[in-house]
Amino acid sequence: MSDIENIEREKDVSNAANFIRDNARKFAVAKAESIYLEHYRTALRGDLIKELIKSGIKGAETLKAYAEADEKYKTVLRGWREAIADYEELRLLVKAAELKIELFRTKASTQRAEMNLR
């Protein structure tokens, strides 16, 4: 392998590592937002059910159905969907960067082993 190819490969790995470092906060925030909205959705449903009980609606399934049909609940669900999509996109990009680094390590190890056999 030429020196230029080694430099390009090392630059590629450095870029992958930098990507992980540079996006760590976004990754963490996306995960936190997803978890927060999951719990907020549950709390909101509870609040909506309490309001419905006060208005005289009865029956667990009916209360749940009314609460989940509420526009506030649907808005939280849409937000949760977006948060999960953001998190998963970043997670997969980080995974791709990690795989690139691992591939470099494997190739470097193989190259060292080949040099030892000569």
N, C-alpha and C. Protein backbone atom coordinates (compact mmCIF):
# COMPACT_ATOMS: atom_id res chain seq x y z
N MET A 1 0.85 -1.18 0.00
CA MET A 1 0.00 0.00 0.00
C MET A 1 0.89 1.23 0.00
N SER A 2 0.54 2.20 -0.81
CA SER A 2 1.37 3.39 -0.95
C SER A 2 1.18 4.32 0.25
N ASP A 3 2.16 5.22 0.38
CA ASP A 3 2.07 6.21 1.46
C ASP A 3 0.84 7.10 1.30
N ILE A 4 0.51 7.44 0.06
CA ILE A 4 -0.66 8.29 -0.20
C ILE A 4 -1.94 7.57 0.23
N GLU A 5 -2.04 6.27 -0.07
CA GLU A 5 -3.22 5.50 0.35
C GLU A 5 -3.31 5.42 1.86
N ASN A 6 -2.16 5.23 2.52
CA ASN A 6 -2.15 5.19 3.99
C ASN A 6 -2.60 6.52 4.57
N ILE A 7 -2.12 7.60 4.01
CA ILE A 7 -2.50 8.94 4.50
C ILE A 7 -3.99 9.16 4.30
N GLU A 8 -4.50 8.78 3.12
CA GLU A 8 -5.94 8.95 2.85
C GLU A 8 -6.77 8.10 3.80
N ARG A 9 -6.32 6.87 4.05
CA ARG A 9 -7.06 5.99 4.95
C ARG A 9 -7.05 6.55 6.38
N GLU A 10 -5.88 7.03 6.82
CA GLU A 10 -5.80 7.61 8.16
C GLU A 10 -6.65 8.87 8.27
N LYS A 11 -6.69 9.66 7.19
CA LYS A 11 -7.53 10.86 7.19
C LYS A 11 -9.00 10.47 7.28
N ASP A 12 -9.37 9.42 6.57
CA ASP A 12 -10.75 8.92 6.59
C ASP A 12 -11.13 8.49 8.02
N VAL A 13 -10.23 7.78 8.67
CA VAL A 13 -10.48 7.32 10.04
C VAL A 13 -10.53 8.51 10.99
N SER A 14 -9.65 9.45 10.79
CA SER A 14 -9.67 10.65 11.62
C SER A 14 -10.99 11.40 11.45
N ASN A 15 -11.46 11.50 10.22
CA ASN A 15 -12.76 12.15 9.97
C ASN A 15 -13.89 11.40 10.66
N ALA A 16 -13.84 10.08 10.64
CA ALA A 16 -14.87 9.27 11.30
C ALA A 16 -14.86 9.51 12.81
N ALA A 17 -13.66 9.52 13.39
CA ALA A 17 -13.55 9.76 14.83
C ALA A 17 -14.01 11.18 15.17
N ASN A 18 -13.66 12.13 14.33
CA ASN A 18 -14.10 13.52 14.56
C ASN A 18 -15.62 13.63 14.46
N PHE A 19 -16.20 12.91 13.53
CA PHE A 19 -17.66 12.92 13.40
C PHE A 19 -18.32 12.45 14.69
N ILE A 20 -17.82 11.36 15.24
CA ILE A 20 -18.38 10.84 16.49
C ILE A 20 -18.23 11.88 17.60
N ARG A 21 -17.03 12.43 17.72
CA ARG A 21 -16.80 13.44 18.76
C ARG A 21 -17.68 14.67 18.56
N ASP A 22 -17.73 15.16 17.33
CA ASP A 22 -18.46 16.39 17.04
C ASP A 22 -19.98 16.24 17.18
N ASN A 23 -20.47 15.03 17.07
CA ASN A 23 -21.91 14.80 17.13
C ASN A 23 -22.37 14.13 18.42
N ALA A 24 -21.46 13.96 19.35
CA ALA A 24 -21.81 13.29 20.62
C ALA A 24 -22.94 14.01 21.34
N ARG A 25 -22.88 15.34 21.39
CA ARG A 25 -23.91 16.11 22.09
C ARG A 25 -25.26 15.98 21.37
N LYS A 26 -25.26 16.10 20.04
CA LYS A 26 -26.50 15.96 19.27
C LYS A 26 -27.10 14.58 19.50
N PHE A 27 -26.25 13.57 19.53
CA PHE A 27 -26.68 12.20 19.74
C PHE A 27 -27.33 12.05 21.11
N ALA A 28 -26.69 12.61 22.12
CA ALA A 28 -27.21 12.53 23.49
C ALA A 28 -28.53 13.30 23.63
N VAL A 29 -28.58 14.48 23.02
CA VAL A 29 -29.80 15.30 23.10
C VAL A 29 -30.96 14.59 22.38
N ALA A 30 -30.67 13.99 21.23
CA ALA A 30 -31.71 13.27 20.50
C ALA A 30 -32.25 12.11 21.33
N LYS A 31 -31.38 11.40 21.99
CA LYS A 31 -31.80 10.28 22.84
C LYS A 31 -32.62 10.80 24.03
N ALA A 32 -32.14 11.86 24.66
CA ALA A 32 -32.84 12.43 25.81
C ALA A 32 -34.22 12.94 25.41
N GLU A 33 -34.32 13.59 24.25
CA GLU A 33 -35.60 14.12 23.78
C GLU A 33 -36.59 12.98 23.54
N SER A 34 -36.10 11.90 22.97
CA SER A 34 -36.95 10.75 22.72
C SER A 34 -37.49 10.16 24.03
N ILE A 35 -36.62 10.00 24.99
CA ILE A 35 -37.04 9.45 26.29
C ILE A 35 -37.99 10.41 27.00
N TYR A 36 -37.67 11.71 26.96
CA TYR A 36 -38.53 12.70 27.60
C TYR A 36 -39.93 12.66 27.00
N LEU A 37 -40.02 12.68 25.67
CA LEU A 37 -41.33 12.69 25.04
C LEU A 37 -42.12 11.41 25.30
N GLU A 38 -41.40 10.30 25.42
CA GLU A 38 -42.08 9.04 25.76
C GLU A 38 -42.76 9.16 27.12
N HIS A 39 -42.04 9.71 28.08
CA HIS A 39 -42.60 9.86 29.43
C HIS A 39 -43.64 10.98 29.48
N TYR A 40 -43.40 12.05 28.75
CA TYR A 40 -44.36 13.15 28.72
C TYR A 40 -45.69 12.69 28.12
N ARG A 41 -45.60 11.85 27.10
CA ARG A 41 -46.81 11.31 26.47
C ARG A 41 -47.66 10.58 27.51
N THR A 42 -47.04 9.79 28.33
CA THR A 42 -47.75 9.05 29.37
C THR A 42 -48.37 10.01 30.39
N ALA A 43 -47.59 11.01 30.80
CA ALA A 43 -48.11 11.99 31.77
C ALA A 43 -49.26 12.79 31.17
N LEU A 44 -49.13 13.18 29.92
CA LEU A 44 -50.19 13.94 29.26
C LEU A 44 -51.46 13.11 29.16
N ARG A 45 -51.32 11.84 28.81
CA ARG A 45 -52.50 10.98 28.73
C ARG A 45 -53.19 10.93 30.09
N GLY A 46 -52.41 10.82 31.15
CA GLY A 46 -52.98 10.81 32.50
C GLY A 46 -53.72 12.10 32.82
N ASP A 47 -53.11 13.23 32.46
CA ASP A 47 -53.77 14.53 32.68
C ASP A 47 -55.06 14.64 31.89
N LEU A 48 -55.02 14.18 30.64
CA LEU A 48 -56.23 14.24 29.80
C LEU A 48 -57.33 13.35 30.37
N ILE A 49 -56.95 12.20 30.87
CA ILE A 49 -57.93 11.28 31.47
C ILE A 49 -58.55 11.91 32.71
N LYS A 50 -57.73 12.58 33.53
CA LYS A 50 -58.27 13.26 34.71
C LYS A 50 -59.30 14.31 34.30
N GLU A 51 -58.99 15.09 33.27
CA GLU A 51 -59.94 16.10 32.78
C GLU A 51 -61.23 15.44 32.30
N LEU A 52 -61.10 14.33 31.60
CA LEU A 52 -62.28 13.63 31.08
C LEU A 52 -63.14 13.07 32.21
N ILE A 53 -62.50 12.54 33.24
CA ILE A 53 -63.25 12.02 34.40
C ILE A 53 -64.04 13.16 35.05
N LYS A 54 -63.39 14.32 35.18
CA LYS A 54 -64.08 15.48 35.76
C LYS A 54 -65.29 15.89 34.93
N SER A 55 -65.20 15.66 33.61
CA SER A 55 -66.33 16.05 32.74
C SER A 55 -67.41 14.97 32.69
N GLY A 56 -67.19 13.86 33.43
CA GLY A 56 -68.24 12.85 33.55
C GLY A 56 -68.07 11.62 32.67
N ILE A 57 -67.03 11.56 31.88
CA ILE A 57 -66.81 10.38 31.02
C ILE A 57 -66.25 9.25 31.88
N LYS A 58 -66.79 8.04 31.66
CA LYS A 58 -66.37 6.88 32.46
C LYS A 58 -65.94 5.74 31.54
N GLY A 59 -65.30 4.76 32.14
CA GLY A 59 -64.85 3.59 31.41
C GLY A 59 -63.40 3.75 30.97
N ALA A 60 -62.55 2.85 31.42
CA ALA A 60 -61.11 2.94 31.16
C ALA A 60 -60.78 3.03 29.68
N GLU A 61 -61.34 2.14 28.89
CA GLU A 61 -61.04 2.14 27.45
C GLU A 61 -61.56 3.40 26.77
N THR A 62 -62.74 3.85 27.18
CA THR A 62 -63.30 5.08 26.61
C THR A 62 -62.43 6.27 26.96
N LEU A 63 -62.01 6.35 28.22
CA LEU A 63 -61.15 7.45 28.65
C LEU A 63 -59.84 7.45 27.87
N LYS A 64 -59.25 6.28 27.73
CA LYS A 64 -57.98 6.16 27.00
C LYS A 64 -58.17 6.58 25.54
N ALA A 65 -59.24 6.14 24.93
CA ALA A 65 -59.51 6.48 23.53
C ALA A 65 -59.70 7.98 23.35
N TYR A 66 -60.46 8.60 24.24
CA TYR A 66 -60.67 10.05 24.17
C TYR A 66 -59.34 10.79 24.36
N ALA A 67 -58.57 10.35 25.35
CA ALA A 67 -57.30 11.02 25.63
C ALA A 67 -56.35 10.91 24.43
N GLU A 68 -56.28 9.74 23.83
CA GLU A 68 -55.36 9.53 22.71
C GLU A 68 -55.85 10.20 21.43
N ALA A 69 -57.11 10.58 21.39
CA ALA A 69 -57.64 11.31 20.23
C ALA A 69 -57.45 12.82 20.37
N ASP A 70 -57.05 13.26 21.55
CA ASP A 70 -56.86 14.68 21.80
C ASP A 70 -55.71 15.22 20.95
N GLU A 71 -55.86 16.43 20.45
CA GLU A 71 -54.84 17.03 19.57
C GLU A 71 -53.51 17.24 20.28
N LYS A 72 -53.54 17.58 21.58
CA LYS A 72 -52.29 17.74 22.33
C LYS A 72 -51.52 16.41 22.36
N TYR A 73 -52.25 15.33 22.56
CA TYR A 73 -51.63 14.00 22.59
C TYR A 73 -51.02 13.67 21.23
N LYS A 74 -51.76 13.95 20.17
CA LYS A 74 -51.27 13.67 18.82
C LYS A 74 -50.03 14.51 18.49
N THR A 75 -50.00 15.73 18.99
CA THR A 75 -48.84 16.59 18.77
C THR A 75 -47.61 16.00 19.44
N VAL A 76 -47.78 15.51 20.67
CA VAL A 76 -46.67 14.88 21.38
C VAL A 76 -46.21 13.63 20.63
N LEU A 77 -47.15 12.86 20.11
CA LEU A 77 -46.77 11.66 19.35
C LEU A 77 -45.95 12.02 18.11
N ARG A 78 -46.35 13.08 17.42
CA ARG A 78 -45.59 13.51 16.24
C ARG A 78 -44.18 13.95 16.65
N GLY A 79 -44.09 14.67 17.75
CA GLY A 79 -42.78 15.08 18.26
C GLY A 79 -41.93 13.90 18.65
N TRP A 80 -42.55 12.92 19.28
CA TRP A 80 -41.84 11.70 19.69
C TRP A 80 -41.32 10.97 18.45
N ARG A 81 -42.16 10.89 17.42
CA ARG A 81 -41.75 10.24 16.17
C ARG A 81 -40.51 10.94 15.59
N GLU A 82 -40.52 12.26 15.57
CA GLU A 82 -39.39 13.02 15.04
C GLU A 82 -38.14 12.82 15.90
N ALA A 83 -38.33 12.80 17.21
CA ALA A 83 -37.19 12.61 18.11
C ALA A 83 -36.56 11.23 17.90
N ILE A 84 -37.38 10.22 17.73
CA ILE A 84 -36.86 8.87 17.48
C ILE A 84 -36.13 8.83 16.14
N ALA A 85 -36.70 9.48 15.12
CA ALA A 85 -36.05 9.51 13.81
C ALA A 85 -34.70 10.21 13.88
N ASP A 86 -34.63 11.34 14.59
CA ASP A 86 -33.36 12.06 14.74
C ASP A 86 -32.33 11.20 15.46
N TYR A 87 -32.76 10.57 16.55
CA TYR A 87 -31.85 9.71 17.31
C TYR A 87 -31.35 8.55 16.46
N GLU A 88 -32.26 7.88 15.78
CA GLU A 88 -31.87 6.71 14.98
C GLU A 88 -30.94 7.10 13.83
N GLU A 89 -31.20 8.24 13.21
CA GLU A 89 -30.31 8.70 12.13
C GLU A 89 -28.90 8.93 12.67
N LEU A 90 -28.79 9.64 13.78
CA LEU A 90 -27.48 9.87 14.38
C LEU A 90 -26.83 8.57 14.84
N ARG A 91 -27.63 7.69 15.43
CA ARG A 91 -27.09 6.40 15.90
C ARG A 91 -26.49 5.61 14.74
N LEU A 92 -27.18 5.60 13.61
CA LEU A 92 -26.67 4.86 12.46
C LEU A 92 -25.45 5.52 11.84
N LEU A 93 -25.41 6.84 11.84
CA LEU A 93 -24.23 7.53 11.33
C LEU A 93 -23.02 7.28 12.23
N VAL A 94 -23.24 7.28 13.53
CA VAL A 94 -22.15 6.97 14.47
C VAL A 94 -21.70 5.52 14.28
N LYS A 95 -22.65 4.62 14.10
CA LYS A 95 -22.32 3.21 13.87
C LYS A 95 -21.48 3.06 12.60
N ALA A 96 -21.84 3.78 11.54
CA ALA A 96 -21.07 3.73 10.30
C ALA A 96 -19.65 4.25 10.52
N ALA A 97 -19.52 5.32 11.30
CA ALA A 97 -18.18 5.85 11.60
C ALA A 97 -17.38 4.84 12.42
N GLU A 98 -18.03 4.19 13.39
CA GLU A 98 -17.34 3.17 14.19
C GLU A 98 -16.90 2.00 13.32
N LEU A 99 -17.73 1.61 12.38
CA LEU A 99 -17.36 0.52 11.48
C LEU A 99 -16.18 0.90 10.59
N LYS A 100 -16.15 2.13 10.16
CA LYS A 100 -15.03 2.62 9.35
C LYS A 100 -13.73 2.55 10.14
N ILE A 101 -13.79 2.95 11.40
CA ILE A 101 -12.61 2.88 12.28
C ILE A 101 -12.20 1.43 12.49
N GLU A 102 -13.16 0.56 12.75
CA GLU A 102 -12.86 -0.86 12.96
C GLU A 102 -12.26 -1.49 11.71
N LEU A 103 -12.77 -1.12 10.55
CA LEU A 103 -12.23 -1.63 9.29
C LEU A 103 -10.77 -1.20 9.14
N PHE A 104 -10.49 0.05 9.46
CA PHE A 104 -9.11 0.53 9.40
C PHE A 104 -8.22 -0.27 10.34
N ARG A 105 -8.70 -0.50 11.55
CA ARG A 105 -7.90 -1.27 12.52
C ARG A 105 -7.64 -2.68 12.03
N THR A 106 -8.65 -3.30 11.45
CA THR A 106 -8.50 -4.66 10.92
C THR A 106 -7.50 -4.69 9.77
N LYS A 107 -7.61 -3.74 8.85
CA LYS A 107 -6.68 -3.68 7.72
C LYS A 107 -5.26 -3.42 8.20
N ALA A 108 -5.11 -2.53 9.17
CA ALA A 108 -3.78 -2.23 9.70
C ALA A 108 -3.18 -3.46 10.38
N SER A 109 -4.00 -4.19 11.10
CA SER A 109 -3.54 -5.41 11.76
C SER A 109 -3.13 -6.46 10.74
N THR A 110 -3.93 -6.61 9.71
CA THR A 110 -3.61 -7.56 8.64
C THR A 110 -2.32 -7.16 7.94
N GLN A 111 -2.16 -5.88 7.71
CA GLN A 111 -0.95 -5.38 7.06
C GLN A 111 0.28 -5.67 7.92
N ARG A 112 0.17 -5.46 9.23
CA ARG A 112 1.29 -5.77 10.13
C ARG A 112 1.61 -7.25 10.12
N ALA A 113 0.57 -8.08 10.13
CA ALA A 113 0.78 -9.53 10.11
C ALA A 113 1.47 -9.95 8.83
N GLU A 114 1.07 -9.38 7.71
CA GLU A 114 1.71 -9.70 6.42
C GLU A 114 3.17 -9.30 6.40
N MET A 115 3.46 -8.17 7.02
CA MET A 115 4.86 -7.69 7.09
C MET A 115 5.70 -8.64 7.93
N ASN A 116 5.12 -9.19 8.98
CA ASN A 116 5.85 -10.14 9.84
C ASN A 116 6.11 -11.46 9.15
N LEU A 117 5.28 -11.81 8.18
CA LEU A 117 5.47 -13.06 7.45
C LEU A 117 6.56 -12.97 6.40
N ARG A 118 6.94 -11.77 6.01
CA ARG A 118 7.95 -11.58 4.97
C ARG A 118 9.32 -11.83 5.48
